[in-house]
N, C-alpha and C. Protein backbone atom coordinates (compact mmCIF):
# COMPACT_ATOMS: atom_id res chain seq x y z
N MET A 1 -29.54 1.15 40.12
CA MET A 1 -29.03 1.63 38.85
C MET A 1 -27.78 0.82 38.50
N LEU A 2 -27.68 0.46 37.23
CA LEU A 2 -26.54 -0.31 36.73
C LEU A 2 -25.51 0.67 36.18
N ILE A 3 -24.31 0.59 36.69
CA ILE A 3 -23.21 1.43 36.19
C ILE A 3 -22.15 0.50 35.62
N ILE A 4 -21.82 0.74 34.38
CA ILE A 4 -20.80 -0.06 33.73
C ILE A 4 -19.57 0.82 33.58
N ALA A 5 -18.54 0.52 34.33
CA ALA A 5 -17.37 1.38 34.35
C ALA A 5 -16.21 0.82 33.53
N ASP A 6 -16.12 -0.48 33.46
CA ASP A 6 -14.98 -1.10 32.79
C ASP A 6 -15.30 -1.37 31.32
N LEU A 7 -14.35 -1.10 30.47
CA LEU A 7 -14.50 -1.38 29.06
C LEU A 7 -13.89 -2.75 28.79
N ASP A 8 -14.74 -3.73 28.53
CA ASP A 8 -14.29 -5.09 28.25
C ASP A 8 -14.13 -5.23 26.75
N ARG A 9 -12.90 -5.30 26.28
CA ARG A 9 -12.62 -5.35 24.84
C ARG A 9 -12.61 -6.76 24.27
N THR A 10 -13.01 -7.74 25.06
CA THR A 10 -13.09 -9.11 24.55
C THR A 10 -14.34 -9.26 23.70
N ARG A 11 -14.40 -10.33 22.93
CA ARG A 11 -15.59 -10.62 22.13
C ARG A 11 -16.82 -10.75 23.03
N ALA A 12 -16.67 -11.47 24.13
CA ALA A 12 -17.79 -11.65 25.07
C ALA A 12 -18.24 -10.31 25.64
N GLY A 13 -17.28 -9.44 25.96
CA GLY A 13 -17.62 -8.13 26.49
C GLY A 13 -18.36 -7.29 25.46
N TYR A 14 -17.95 -7.37 24.22
CA TYR A 14 -18.60 -6.62 23.14
C TYR A 14 -20.04 -7.08 22.97
N ILE A 15 -20.24 -8.39 22.95
CA ILE A 15 -21.59 -8.95 22.79
C ILE A 15 -22.46 -8.56 23.97
N ALA A 16 -21.91 -8.67 25.19
CA ALA A 16 -22.67 -8.27 26.38
C ALA A 16 -23.04 -6.79 26.32
N GLY A 17 -22.11 -5.96 25.85
CA GLY A 17 -22.39 -4.53 25.72
C GLY A 17 -23.50 -4.25 24.73
N LEU A 18 -23.51 -4.95 23.61
CA LEU A 18 -24.58 -4.78 22.62
C LEU A 18 -25.93 -5.17 23.20
N ARG A 19 -25.95 -6.26 23.97
CA ARG A 19 -27.21 -6.69 24.59
C ARG A 19 -27.69 -5.66 25.61
N LEU A 20 -26.77 -5.15 26.42
CA LEU A 20 -27.15 -4.12 27.39
C LEU A 20 -27.65 -2.86 26.70
N LEU A 21 -26.99 -2.48 25.63
CA LEU A 21 -27.43 -1.31 24.88
C LEU A 21 -28.82 -1.52 24.30
N ALA A 22 -29.07 -2.69 23.72
CA ALA A 22 -30.40 -3.00 23.17
C ALA A 22 -31.45 -2.95 24.26
N ASP A 23 -31.16 -3.53 25.41
CA ASP A 23 -32.12 -3.51 26.52
C ASP A 23 -32.39 -2.08 26.97
N LEU A 24 -31.34 -1.28 27.06
CA LEU A 24 -31.50 0.12 27.48
C LEU A 24 -32.36 0.89 26.48
N LEU A 25 -32.08 0.74 25.19
CA LEU A 25 -32.86 1.45 24.18
C LEU A 25 -34.31 1.00 24.18
N GLU A 26 -34.54 -0.27 24.42
CA GLU A 26 -35.91 -0.79 24.47
C GLU A 26 -36.64 -0.25 25.70
N ALA A 27 -35.96 -0.20 26.83
CA ALA A 27 -36.59 0.24 28.08
C ALA A 27 -36.77 1.76 28.14
N ARG A 28 -35.93 2.50 27.44
CA ARG A 28 -35.96 3.96 27.51
C ARG A 28 -36.12 4.57 26.13
N PRO A 29 -37.36 4.62 25.63
CA PRO A 29 -37.58 5.17 24.29
C PRO A 29 -37.21 6.64 24.16
N ASP A 30 -36.98 7.33 25.29
CA ASP A 30 -36.56 8.72 25.23
C ASP A 30 -35.09 8.87 24.81
N ILE A 31 -34.34 7.77 24.83
CA ILE A 31 -32.95 7.80 24.36
C ILE A 31 -32.98 7.57 22.84
N PRO A 32 -32.44 8.49 22.06
CA PRO A 32 -32.52 8.33 20.61
C PRO A 32 -31.62 7.19 20.12
N HIS A 33 -31.95 6.72 18.95
CA HIS A 33 -31.12 5.72 18.29
C HIS A 33 -30.63 6.30 16.97
N TYR A 34 -29.59 5.76 16.46
CA TYR A 34 -29.06 6.20 15.17
C TYR A 34 -29.92 5.55 14.09
N GLU A 35 -30.71 6.37 13.41
CA GLU A 35 -31.71 5.82 12.50
C GLU A 35 -31.12 5.08 11.31
N HIS A 36 -29.85 5.31 11.02
CA HIS A 36 -29.24 4.58 9.91
C HIS A 36 -28.66 3.26 10.38
N GLY A 37 -28.59 3.06 11.69
CA GLY A 37 -28.23 1.79 12.30
C GLY A 37 -26.99 1.12 11.73
N ARG A 38 -25.89 1.80 11.68
CA ARG A 38 -24.68 1.26 11.06
C ARG A 38 -23.57 1.06 12.08
N ILE A 39 -23.02 -0.14 12.09
CA ILE A 39 -21.83 -0.45 12.86
C ILE A 39 -20.77 -0.84 11.85
N SER A 40 -19.69 -0.08 11.81
CA SER A 40 -18.65 -0.31 10.82
C SER A 40 -17.29 -0.04 11.45
N PHE A 41 -16.33 -0.89 11.13
CA PHE A 41 -15.00 -0.70 11.71
C PHE A 41 -13.94 -1.29 10.79
N ALA A 42 -12.70 -0.89 11.04
CA ALA A 42 -11.56 -1.38 10.28
C ALA A 42 -10.93 -2.55 11.01
N LEU A 43 -10.53 -3.55 10.27
CA LEU A 43 -9.86 -4.71 10.85
C LEU A 43 -8.41 -4.40 11.15
N ASN A 44 -7.92 -4.94 12.24
CA ASN A 44 -6.51 -4.87 12.56
C ASN A 44 -5.81 -6.06 11.91
N GLY A 45 -4.52 -6.12 12.05
CA GLY A 45 -3.78 -7.26 11.53
C GLY A 45 -3.30 -7.02 10.12
N THR A 46 -2.75 -8.08 9.56
CA THR A 46 -2.19 -7.99 8.21
C THR A 46 -3.28 -8.06 7.16
N GLU A 47 -2.90 -7.73 5.96
CA GLU A 47 -3.82 -7.82 4.83
C GLU A 47 -4.29 -9.26 4.63
N ALA A 48 -3.38 -10.22 4.77
CA ALA A 48 -3.74 -11.64 4.63
C ALA A 48 -4.68 -12.09 5.74
N GLU A 49 -4.46 -11.62 6.97
CA GLU A 49 -5.36 -11.97 8.08
C GLU A 49 -6.75 -11.40 7.84
N ALA A 50 -6.81 -10.18 7.31
CA ALA A 50 -8.10 -9.57 7.02
C ALA A 50 -8.85 -10.36 5.95
N ALA A 51 -8.13 -10.78 4.91
CA ALA A 51 -8.76 -11.58 3.86
C ALA A 51 -9.31 -12.88 4.43
N GLU A 52 -8.57 -13.50 5.33
CA GLU A 52 -9.02 -14.74 5.96
C GLU A 52 -10.26 -14.48 6.83
N THR A 53 -10.26 -13.39 7.56
CA THR A 53 -11.42 -13.04 8.40
C THR A 53 -12.65 -12.80 7.54
N ILE A 54 -12.49 -12.08 6.44
CA ILE A 54 -13.61 -11.82 5.54
C ILE A 54 -14.11 -13.12 4.93
N GLU A 55 -13.20 -14.01 4.56
CA GLU A 55 -13.59 -15.31 3.99
C GLU A 55 -14.37 -16.14 5.01
N ARG A 56 -13.89 -16.19 6.25
CA ARG A 56 -14.61 -16.94 7.31
C ARG A 56 -15.98 -16.34 7.57
N THR A 57 -16.05 -15.01 7.55
CA THR A 57 -17.33 -14.34 7.77
C THR A 57 -18.31 -14.66 6.64
N ALA A 58 -17.83 -14.64 5.41
CA ALA A 58 -18.68 -14.97 4.26
C ALA A 58 -19.22 -16.40 4.39
N ALA A 59 -18.36 -17.32 4.79
CA ALA A 59 -18.79 -18.71 4.97
C ALA A 59 -19.84 -18.83 6.08
N ALA A 60 -19.62 -18.12 7.20
CA ALA A 60 -20.56 -18.17 8.32
C ALA A 60 -21.90 -17.57 7.94
N LEU A 61 -21.88 -16.44 7.23
CA LEU A 61 -23.12 -15.80 6.82
C LEU A 61 -23.88 -16.67 5.81
N THR A 62 -23.14 -17.29 4.90
CA THR A 62 -23.76 -18.19 3.93
C THR A 62 -24.43 -19.36 4.66
N ALA A 63 -23.74 -19.92 5.65
CA ALA A 63 -24.29 -21.04 6.43
C ALA A 63 -25.56 -20.63 7.17
N GLU A 64 -25.64 -19.36 7.57
CA GLU A 64 -26.82 -18.86 8.28
C GLU A 64 -27.91 -18.37 7.34
N GLY A 65 -27.62 -18.36 6.04
CA GLY A 65 -28.60 -17.89 5.06
C GLY A 65 -28.76 -16.37 5.04
N ILE A 66 -27.72 -15.66 5.43
CA ILE A 66 -27.76 -14.20 5.48
C ILE A 66 -27.05 -13.64 4.25
N GLU A 67 -27.77 -12.81 3.51
CA GLU A 67 -27.17 -12.17 2.33
C GLU A 67 -26.16 -11.12 2.78
N PHE A 68 -25.12 -10.93 1.97
CA PHE A 68 -24.08 -9.97 2.31
C PHE A 68 -23.48 -9.41 1.04
N ASP A 69 -22.83 -8.27 1.19
CA ASP A 69 -22.07 -7.65 0.10
C ASP A 69 -20.60 -7.77 0.45
N ARG A 70 -19.85 -8.26 -0.49
CA ARG A 70 -18.40 -8.41 -0.32
C ARG A 70 -17.73 -7.60 -1.40
N SER A 71 -16.74 -6.83 -1.03
CA SER A 71 -16.07 -5.98 -1.99
C SER A 71 -14.56 -6.18 -1.87
N GLU A 72 -13.92 -6.33 -3.01
CA GLU A 72 -12.46 -6.41 -3.06
C GLU A 72 -12.00 -5.65 -4.29
N ASP A 73 -11.11 -4.70 -4.07
CA ASP A 73 -10.53 -3.96 -5.18
C ASP A 73 -9.09 -3.60 -4.83
N ASP A 74 -8.48 -2.74 -5.63
CA ASP A 74 -7.08 -2.37 -5.39
C ASP A 74 -6.89 -1.56 -4.11
N HIS A 75 -7.97 -0.93 -3.65
CA HIS A 75 -7.88 -0.06 -2.47
C HIS A 75 -8.16 -0.80 -1.16
N SER A 76 -9.16 -1.67 -1.14
CA SER A 76 -9.57 -2.28 0.12
C SER A 76 -10.35 -3.57 -0.12
N GLN A 77 -10.65 -4.22 1.00
CA GLN A 77 -11.52 -5.39 0.99
C GLN A 77 -12.50 -5.21 2.15
N SER A 78 -13.76 -5.60 1.92
CA SER A 78 -14.77 -5.38 2.95
C SER A 78 -15.91 -6.37 2.82
N ILE A 79 -16.71 -6.42 3.87
CA ILE A 79 -17.92 -7.22 3.88
C ILE A 79 -18.96 -6.46 4.69
N GLU A 80 -20.22 -6.47 4.23
CA GLU A 80 -21.31 -5.79 4.91
C GLU A 80 -22.56 -6.65 4.82
N PHE A 81 -23.37 -6.61 5.88
CA PHE A 81 -24.65 -7.30 5.87
C PHE A 81 -25.61 -6.55 6.77
N VAL A 82 -26.90 -6.90 6.66
CA VAL A 82 -27.93 -6.23 7.44
C VAL A 82 -28.68 -7.26 8.26
N ILE A 83 -28.82 -6.99 9.55
CA ILE A 83 -29.63 -7.79 10.45
C ILE A 83 -30.72 -6.87 10.97
N ALA A 84 -31.96 -7.16 10.61
CA ALA A 84 -33.09 -6.30 10.97
C ALA A 84 -32.76 -4.86 10.59
N GLY A 85 -32.70 -3.94 11.53
CA GLY A 85 -32.44 -2.54 11.21
C GLY A 85 -31.01 -2.11 11.38
N VAL A 86 -30.09 -3.06 11.48
CA VAL A 86 -28.70 -2.69 11.73
C VAL A 86 -27.80 -3.20 10.60
N GLU A 87 -27.05 -2.25 10.02
CA GLU A 87 -26.03 -2.62 9.04
C GLU A 87 -24.74 -2.89 9.81
N TYR A 88 -24.05 -3.95 9.45
CA TYR A 88 -22.82 -4.33 10.13
C TYR A 88 -21.77 -4.61 9.07
N GLY A 89 -20.59 -4.07 9.25
CA GLY A 89 -19.55 -4.30 8.27
C GLY A 89 -18.18 -3.97 8.79
N PHE A 90 -17.19 -4.50 8.10
CA PHE A 90 -15.81 -4.19 8.43
C PHE A 90 -14.96 -4.28 7.18
N SER A 91 -13.81 -3.64 7.24
CA SER A 91 -12.97 -3.54 6.05
C SER A 91 -11.50 -3.48 6.44
N ARG A 92 -10.66 -3.54 5.44
CA ARG A 92 -9.21 -3.40 5.63
C ARG A 92 -8.65 -2.74 4.38
N VAL A 93 -7.99 -1.61 4.55
CA VAL A 93 -7.31 -0.95 3.43
C VAL A 93 -6.10 -1.77 3.07
N ARG A 94 -5.88 -1.95 1.79
CA ARG A 94 -4.73 -2.73 1.33
C ARG A 94 -3.43 -1.98 1.66
N ASP A 95 -2.38 -2.74 1.92
CA ASP A 95 -1.10 -2.16 2.31
C ASP A 95 -0.59 -1.15 1.28
N ALA A 96 -0.68 -1.48 0.00
CA ALA A 96 -0.19 -0.58 -1.04
C ALA A 96 -0.99 0.71 -1.08
N ALA A 97 -2.29 0.63 -0.90
CA ALA A 97 -3.14 1.83 -0.88
C ALA A 97 -2.83 2.70 0.33
N TRP A 98 -2.60 2.06 1.47
CA TRP A 98 -2.26 2.81 2.68
C TRP A 98 -0.90 3.49 2.53
N ALA A 99 0.06 2.80 1.95
CA ALA A 99 1.39 3.38 1.73
C ALA A 99 1.30 4.58 0.79
N ALA A 100 0.48 4.48 -0.26
CA ALA A 100 0.31 5.60 -1.18
C ALA A 100 -0.35 6.78 -0.47
N HIS A 101 -1.32 6.51 0.38
CA HIS A 101 -1.98 7.58 1.14
C HIS A 101 -0.97 8.27 2.06
N GLN A 102 -0.18 7.49 2.77
CA GLN A 102 0.82 8.06 3.67
C GLN A 102 1.84 8.88 2.90
N ALA A 103 2.22 8.44 1.72
CA ALA A 103 3.18 9.19 0.90
C ALA A 103 2.58 10.54 0.50
N ARG A 104 1.31 10.55 0.12
CA ARG A 104 0.65 11.81 -0.23
C ARG A 104 0.58 12.74 0.98
N GLN A 105 0.32 12.17 2.15
CA GLN A 105 0.20 12.97 3.37
C GLN A 105 1.55 13.48 3.87
N SER A 106 2.63 12.87 3.43
CA SER A 106 3.95 13.28 3.93
C SER A 106 4.28 14.73 3.56
N TYR A 107 3.65 15.26 2.54
CA TYR A 107 3.89 16.64 2.13
C TYR A 107 3.11 17.64 2.99
N GLU A 108 2.14 17.16 3.73
CA GLU A 108 1.23 18.04 4.46
C GLU A 108 1.96 19.01 5.38
N LYS A 109 2.97 18.57 6.08
CA LYS A 109 3.68 19.43 7.02
C LYS A 109 4.56 20.46 6.32
N ASN A 110 4.89 20.19 5.06
CA ASN A 110 5.82 21.05 4.35
C ASN A 110 5.18 22.02 3.38
N VAL A 111 3.94 21.80 3.04
CA VAL A 111 3.26 22.64 2.05
C VAL A 111 2.24 23.51 2.75
N GLN A 112 2.31 24.81 2.47
CA GLN A 112 1.34 25.74 3.02
C GLN A 112 0.56 26.36 1.87
N VAL A 113 -0.73 26.28 1.98
CA VAL A 113 -1.59 26.82 0.94
C VAL A 113 -1.93 28.26 1.31
N ALA A 114 -1.66 29.18 0.38
CA ALA A 114 -1.98 30.59 0.61
C ALA A 114 -3.40 30.85 0.15
N VAL A 115 -4.13 31.58 0.94
CA VAL A 115 -5.50 31.91 0.60
C VAL A 115 -5.54 33.40 0.31
N SER A 116 -5.98 33.75 -0.88
CA SER A 116 -6.09 35.17 -1.22
C SER A 116 -7.52 35.64 -0.94
N CYS A 117 -7.60 36.86 -0.49
CA CYS A 117 -8.91 37.43 -0.15
C CYS A 117 -9.40 38.35 -1.22
């Protein structure tokens, strides 16, 4: 039996983990899969770094002939694509949108909503 105890957060570790997961799901059809097949995450780093990452990803996907959806607005920037049955995407909330969200949340500890019965 293969036991994987260490979480390898490197790119190589992530790719190896995906391969192991695919092999496991293929070998054990009794293990369910997420039928919507979506992998989605938020990018770390600055807003400018995220924009650069999304730009590099768009160029790489274009070079591979893979269609993708790219979104940029006042709230966030993102990219999504589909490989076989898996949707893959990542995004980054813009700094101004995040600051506005945090400002709205700052009242949360001070405001109590009364519920009447």
